[in-house]
Amino acid sequence: MGKIVEWNREFQVWQYSVSHSTLLLRSVNVEGFNTRLDVAFMAVELMHLQPDYSHLEISEANNEEREQILGAQSSDSATGTLYLLNGGEGYVLARKCSWHEDLGDHHAPSKFGPLRGTE
């Protein structure tokens, strides 16, 4: 497993758009932070999530982890990258993962486009 990024702050599953297969996790101005962090997964094929996380570490699964989680799907039909959340506490199979930090609040539009609930 190769760690991509990590934040020691709270995140929530904020939005999933079926039409764009986009998942948005958000950390909004939690105590001790004056910024908002949006983490977007694009072209999501599969996900297993908790509603919130006390911290967030995103890693790319290695071949063994990928096969253990996806089984036969591992190489057959699953074409995206398998992103592990907090060492496998959750996971997202998606084509891309990006993040953006800004001074927005929970109502401000996301950099990742017009998603319902983010204006």
Protein backbone atom coordinates (compact mmCIF):
# COMPACT_ATOMS: atom_id res chain seq x y z
CA MET A 1 0.00 0.00 0.00
CA GLY A 2 1.38 3.40 -0.98
CA LYS A 3 0.22 6.39 1.07
CA ILE A 4 -0.97 9.26 -1.12
CA VAL A 5 -2.10 11.84 1.45
CA GLU A 6 -3.18 12.15 5.08
CA TRP A 7 -5.01 14.75 7.19
CA ASN A 8 -5.52 14.75 10.93
CA ARG A 9 -8.99 16.33 10.92
CA GLU A 10 -12.60 15.17 10.67
CA PHE A 11 -14.21 14.31 7.32
CA GLN A 12 -17.78 13.46 6.34
CA VAL A 13 -19.22 11.74 3.32
CA TRP A 14 -20.75 14.85 1.83
CA GLN A 15 -22.16 13.97 -1.58
CA TYR A 16 -22.42 11.25 -4.19
CA SER A 17 -23.64 12.10 -7.67
CA VAL A 18 -24.99 9.12 -9.58
CA SER A 19 -25.01 10.98 -12.89
CA HIS A 20 -21.31 11.83 -12.68
CA SER A 21 -20.23 8.94 -10.41
CA THR A 22 -18.49 11.49 -8.19
CA LEU A 23 -17.98 11.05 -4.45
CA LEU A 24 -17.17 14.08 -2.29
CA LEU A 25 -15.71 13.84 1.22
CA ARG A 26 -15.53 17.14 3.08
CA SER A 27 -13.86 18.57 6.16
CA VAL A 28 -15.51 21.85 7.05
CA ASN A 29 -13.83 24.37 9.34
CA VAL A 30 -13.52 21.92 12.21
CA GLU A 31 -12.13 23.14 15.53
CA GLY A 32 -8.56 24.32 15.11
CA PHE A 33 -8.79 24.71 11.31
CA ASN A 34 -9.99 27.73 9.36
CA THR A 35 -10.00 25.98 5.98
CA ARG A 36 -12.28 23.55 4.21
CA LEU A 37 -10.96 20.43 2.48
CA ASP A 38 -12.82 18.67 -0.34
CA VAL A 39 -11.68 15.24 -1.50
CA ALA A 40 -13.28 14.07 -4.75
CA PHE A 41 -13.25 10.62 -6.30
CA MET A 42 -14.25 10.61 -9.97
CA ALA A 43 -15.77 7.76 -12.03
CA VAL A 44 -16.52 5.73 -8.90
CA GLU A 45 -17.24 2.06 -9.62
CA LEU A 46 -17.43 0.69 -6.07
CA MET A 47 -17.26 2.10 -2.54
CA HIS A 48 -17.43 0.96 1.06
CA LEU A 49 -17.60 3.91 3.45
CA GLN A 50 -18.35 5.06 6.96
CA PRO A 51 -20.44 8.24 7.25
CA ASP A 52 -17.56 10.10 8.89
CA TYR A 53 -13.88 9.77 9.75
CA SER A 54 -11.94 11.31 12.66
CA HIS A 55 -8.90 11.54 10.35
CA LEU A 56 -8.32 10.57 6.73
CA GLU A 57 -5.45 8.70 5.13
CA ILE A 58 -5.73 7.76 1.46
CA SER A 59 -3.50 5.03 0.05
CA GLU A 60 -3.37 3.13 -3.21
CA ALA A 61 -3.94 -0.59 -2.73
CA ASN A 62 -1.21 -2.95 -3.87
CA ASN A 63 -2.05 -6.01 -6.00
CA GLU A 64 -2.55 -8.29 -2.99
CA GLU A 65 -4.89 -5.84 -1.22
CA ARG A 66 -6.77 -5.23 -4.47
CA GLU A 67 -7.35 -8.96 -5.01
CA GLN A 68 -8.33 -9.49 -1.37
CA ILE A 69 -11.00 -6.75 -1.54
CA LEU A 70 -12.20 -7.13 -5.13
CA GLY A 71 -11.74 -10.88 -5.57
CA ALA A 72 -12.44 -12.04 -9.13
CA GLN A 73 -13.33 -8.45 -10.11
CA SER A 74 -9.73 -7.47 -9.41
CA SER A 75 -8.52 -7.72 -12.97
CA ASP A 76 -11.64 -8.65 -14.95
CA SER A 77 -13.95 -5.66 -14.91
CA ALA A 78 -12.54 -3.29 -12.25
CA THR A 79 -10.53 -0.75 -14.23
CA GLY A 80 -10.00 2.06 -11.72
CA THR A 81 -7.56 2.55 -8.87
CA LEU A 82 -8.50 1.05 -5.52
CA TYR A 83 -8.07 3.76 -2.89
CA LEU A 84 -7.91 2.57 0.73
CA LEU A 85 -9.22 4.89 3.43
CA ASN A 86 -7.46 4.66 6.79
CA GLY A 87 -5.66 1.43 5.98
CA GLY A 88 -8.73 -0.37 4.65
CA GLU A 89 -11.38 0.95 7.05
CA GLY A 90 -13.10 1.98 3.83
CA TYR A 91 -12.29 1.95 0.13
CA VAL A 92 -13.22 3.55 -3.17
CA LEU A 93 -12.63 2.11 -6.63
CA ALA A 94 -12.38 5.14 -8.91
CA ARG A 95 -10.48 6.52 -11.89
CA LYS A 96 -9.11 9.55 -10.03
CA CYS A 97 -8.77 11.11 -6.58
CA SER A 98 -8.17 14.85 -6.12
CA TRP A 99 -8.40 17.31 -3.24
CA HIS A 100 -8.67 21.05 -2.75
CA GLU A 101 -8.28 23.27 0.31
CA ASP A 102 -9.90 26.70 0.53
CA LEU A 103 -11.62 29.14 2.89
CA GLY A 104 -15.17 28.11 1.93
CA ASP A 105 -17.85 27.03 4.37
CA HIS A 106 -20.24 24.09 4.11
CA HIS A 107 -22.55 26.00 1.70
CA ALA A 108 -19.87 27.30 -0.68
CA PRO A 109 -19.58 25.65 -4.10
CA SER A 110 -16.97 22.95 -4.46
CA LYS A 111 -14.03 23.36 -6.82
CA PHE A 112 -15.09 19.99 -8.21
CA GLY A 113 -18.21 21.34 -9.86
CA PRO A 114 -21.85 21.81 -9.16
CA LEU A 115 -22.81 18.89 -6.95
CA ARG A 116 -26.24 18.88 -5.36
CA GLY A 117 -25.97 20.28 -1.84
CA THR A 118 -22.79 22.24 -2.58
CA GLU A 119 -24.44 24.88 -4.81
